[in-house]
Amino acid sequence: MAGKISKNARREGAHELTSRWGGKIVMKSVFENGRMRHYAYCEKTKNQGRRPRDLM
């Protein structure tokens, strides 16, 4: 596990995280409905989760 790291710190690439399927987890931000939303994205399988932990 990555420990206690904020979503924003993960988004900026400070840590390399891998999913349970072996792909790299990246954080993405999308501005929708007047709010900034962050989500985790597996590059290999294209799965999404609210946090990187959801993909580990």
N, C-alpha and C. Protein backbone atom coordinates (compact mmCIF):
# COMPACT_ATOMS: atom_id res chain seq x y z
N MET A 1 0.83 -1.19 0.00
CA MET A 1 0.00 0.00 0.00
C MET A 1 0.88 1.25 0.00
N ALA A 2 0.30 2.32 -0.43
CA ALA A 2 1.04 3.56 -0.56
C ALA A 2 1.06 4.38 0.72
N GLY A 3 0.28 4.03 1.71
CA GLY A 3 0.23 4.81 2.94
C GLY A 3 -0.75 5.96 2.83
N LYS A 4 -0.56 6.96 3.66
CA LYS A 4 -1.48 8.10 3.66
C LYS A 4 -0.93 9.20 2.77
N ILE A 5 -1.39 9.18 1.52
CA ILE A 5 -0.99 10.18 0.54
C ILE A 5 -2.26 10.75 -0.05
N SER A 6 -2.32 12.05 -0.21
CA SER A 6 -3.54 12.66 -0.73
C SER A 6 -3.76 12.31 -2.19
N LYS A 7 -5.00 12.44 -2.64
CA LYS A 7 -5.33 12.18 -4.04
C LYS A 7 -4.55 13.11 -4.96
N ASN A 8 -4.38 14.35 -4.52
CA ASN A 8 -3.67 15.32 -5.35
C ASN A 8 -2.20 14.97 -5.48
N ALA A 9 -1.58 14.47 -4.42
CA ALA A 9 -0.18 14.08 -4.49
C ALA A 9 -0.01 12.90 -5.43
N ARG A 10 -0.94 11.97 -5.42
CA ARG A 10 -0.86 10.83 -6.33
C ARG A 10 -1.07 11.26 -7.76
N ARG A 11 -1.91 12.24 -7.96
CA ARG A 11 -2.21 12.72 -9.30
C ARG A 11 -0.97 13.32 -9.96
N GLU A 12 -0.11 13.94 -9.19
CA GLU A 12 1.05 14.60 -9.75
C GLU A 12 2.21 13.66 -10.00
N GLY A 13 2.04 12.37 -9.76
CA GLY A 13 3.06 11.40 -10.13
C GLY A 13 4.16 11.20 -9.11
N ALA A 14 3.92 11.50 -7.85
CA ALA A 14 4.94 11.33 -6.83
C ALA A 14 5.21 9.86 -6.55
N HIS A 15 4.22 8.98 -6.77
CA HIS A 15 4.36 7.56 -6.48
C HIS A 15 3.89 6.73 -7.66
N GLU A 16 4.56 5.62 -7.88
CA GLU A 16 4.18 4.69 -8.94
C GLU A 16 3.33 3.58 -8.32
N LEU A 17 2.07 3.49 -8.70
CA LEU A 17 1.17 2.49 -8.15
C LEU A 17 0.78 1.51 -9.23
N THR A 18 0.59 0.23 -8.85
CA THR A 18 0.17 -0.78 -9.82
C THR A 18 -1.15 -1.40 -9.37
N SER A 19 -1.98 -1.73 -10.33
CA SER A 19 -3.28 -2.31 -10.02
C SER A 19 -3.15 -3.81 -9.83
N ARG A 20 -4.24 -4.45 -9.42
CA ARG A 20 -4.23 -5.91 -9.23
C ARG A 20 -4.10 -6.65 -10.55
N TRP A 21 -4.34 -5.95 -11.67
CA TRP A 21 -4.22 -6.56 -12.99
C TRP A 21 -2.85 -6.31 -13.61
N GLY A 22 -1.98 -5.60 -12.90
CA GLY A 22 -0.62 -5.37 -13.37
C GLY A 22 -0.42 -4.08 -14.13
N GLY A 23 -1.45 -3.28 -14.28
CA GLY A 23 -1.33 -2.01 -14.99
C GLY A 23 -0.95 -0.87 -14.05
N LYS A 24 -0.49 0.20 -14.62
CA LYS A 24 -0.13 1.38 -13.85
C LYS A 24 -1.39 2.17 -13.51
N ILE A 25 -1.49 2.62 -12.24
CA ILE A 25 -2.62 3.42 -11.80
C ILE A 25 -2.23 4.89 -11.90
N VAL A 26 -3.06 5.66 -12.60
CA VAL A 26 -2.85 7.10 -12.68
C VAL A 26 -4.11 7.79 -12.16
N MET A 27 -3.93 8.97 -11.60
CA MET A 27 -5.06 9.77 -11.13
C MET A 27 -5.41 10.76 -12.22
N LYS A 28 -6.69 10.89 -12.48
CA LYS A 28 -7.17 11.86 -13.47
C LYS A 28 -8.16 12.78 -12.79
N SER A 29 -8.25 14.01 -13.30
CA SER A 29 -9.20 14.99 -12.78
C SER A 29 -10.09 15.46 -13.91
N VAL A 30 -11.37 15.55 -13.62
CA VAL A 30 -12.36 15.98 -14.60
C VAL A 30 -13.23 17.05 -13.96
N PHE A 31 -13.48 18.12 -14.70
CA PHE A 31 -14.36 19.17 -14.22
C PHE A 31 -15.74 18.90 -14.78
N GLU A 32 -16.68 18.51 -13.92
CA GLU A 32 -18.04 18.22 -14.37
C GLU A 32 -19.04 18.72 -13.34
N ASN A 33 -20.16 19.22 -13.81
CA ASN A 33 -21.23 19.75 -12.96
C ASN A 33 -20.72 20.83 -12.00
N GLY A 34 -19.78 21.62 -12.46
CA GLY A 34 -19.25 22.70 -11.63
C GLY A 34 -18.32 22.27 -10.53
N ARG A 35 -17.86 21.02 -10.55
CA ARG A 35 -16.96 20.51 -9.51
C ARG A 35 -15.79 19.78 -10.14
N MET A 36 -14.67 19.79 -9.43
CA MET A 36 -13.50 19.04 -9.86
C MET A 36 -13.58 17.65 -9.25
N ARG A 37 -13.57 16.63 -10.08
CA ARG A 37 -13.66 15.24 -9.61
C ARG A 37 -12.35 14.52 -9.92
N HIS A 38 -11.84 13.79 -8.95
CA HIS A 38 -10.63 13.01 -9.12
C HIS A 38 -11.01 11.54 -9.15
N TYR A 39 -10.37 10.77 -10.01
CA TYR A 39 -10.59 9.33 -10.00
C TYR A 39 -9.33 8.61 -10.43
N ALA A 40 -9.21 7.36 -9.99
CA ALA A 40 -8.08 6.52 -10.32
C ALA A 40 -8.42 5.73 -11.58
N TYR A 41 -7.40 5.49 -12.40
CA TYR A 41 -7.62 4.88 -13.71
C TYR A 41 -6.48 3.89 -13.97
N CYS A 42 -6.82 2.65 -14.31
CA CYS A 42 -5.83 1.64 -14.65
C CYS A 42 -5.55 1.74 -16.15
N GLU A 43 -4.31 1.96 -16.53
CA GLU A 43 -3.98 2.12 -17.94
C GLU A 43 -4.09 0.82 -18.73
N LYS A 44 -3.90 -0.31 -18.07
CA LYS A 44 -3.93 -1.60 -18.77
C LYS A 44 -5.35 -2.06 -19.06
N THR A 45 -6.22 -2.05 -18.05
CA THR A 45 -7.56 -2.59 -18.21
C THR A 45 -8.63 -1.52 -18.38
N LYS A 46 -8.26 -0.24 -18.22
CA LYS A 46 -9.19 0.89 -18.36
C LYS A 46 -10.25 0.92 -17.26
N ASN A 47 -10.02 0.23 -16.14
CA ASN A 47 -10.95 0.27 -15.01
C ASN A 47 -10.79 1.59 -14.26
N GLN A 48 -11.87 2.05 -13.63
CA GLN A 48 -11.85 3.28 -12.87
C GLN A 48 -12.32 3.03 -11.45
N GLY A 49 -11.81 3.82 -10.54
CA GLY A 49 -12.24 3.77 -9.15
C GLY A 49 -12.11 5.15 -8.54
N ARG A 50 -12.76 5.35 -7.42
CA ARG A 50 -12.69 6.65 -6.77
C ARG A 50 -11.31 6.89 -6.18
N ARG A 51 -10.70 5.82 -5.66
CA ARG A 51 -9.36 5.91 -5.06
C ARG A 51 -8.48 4.84 -5.69
N PRO A 52 -7.18 5.01 -5.64
CA PRO A 52 -6.27 3.97 -6.14
C PRO A 52 -6.42 2.66 -5.38
N ARG A 53 -6.78 2.74 -4.10
CA ARG A 53 -6.97 1.54 -3.29
C ARG A 53 -8.05 0.64 -3.85
N ASP A 54 -9.05 1.24 -4.53
CA ASP A 54 -10.12 0.45 -5.12
C ASP A 54 -9.63 -0.44 -6.25
N LEU A 55 -8.49 -0.10 -6.85
CA LEU A 55 -7.95 -0.87 -7.96
C LEU A 55 -6.82 -1.80 -7.55
N MET A 56 -6.39 -1.72 -6.29
CA MET A 56 -5.27 -2.56 -5.84
C MET A 56 -5.75 -3.92 -5.39
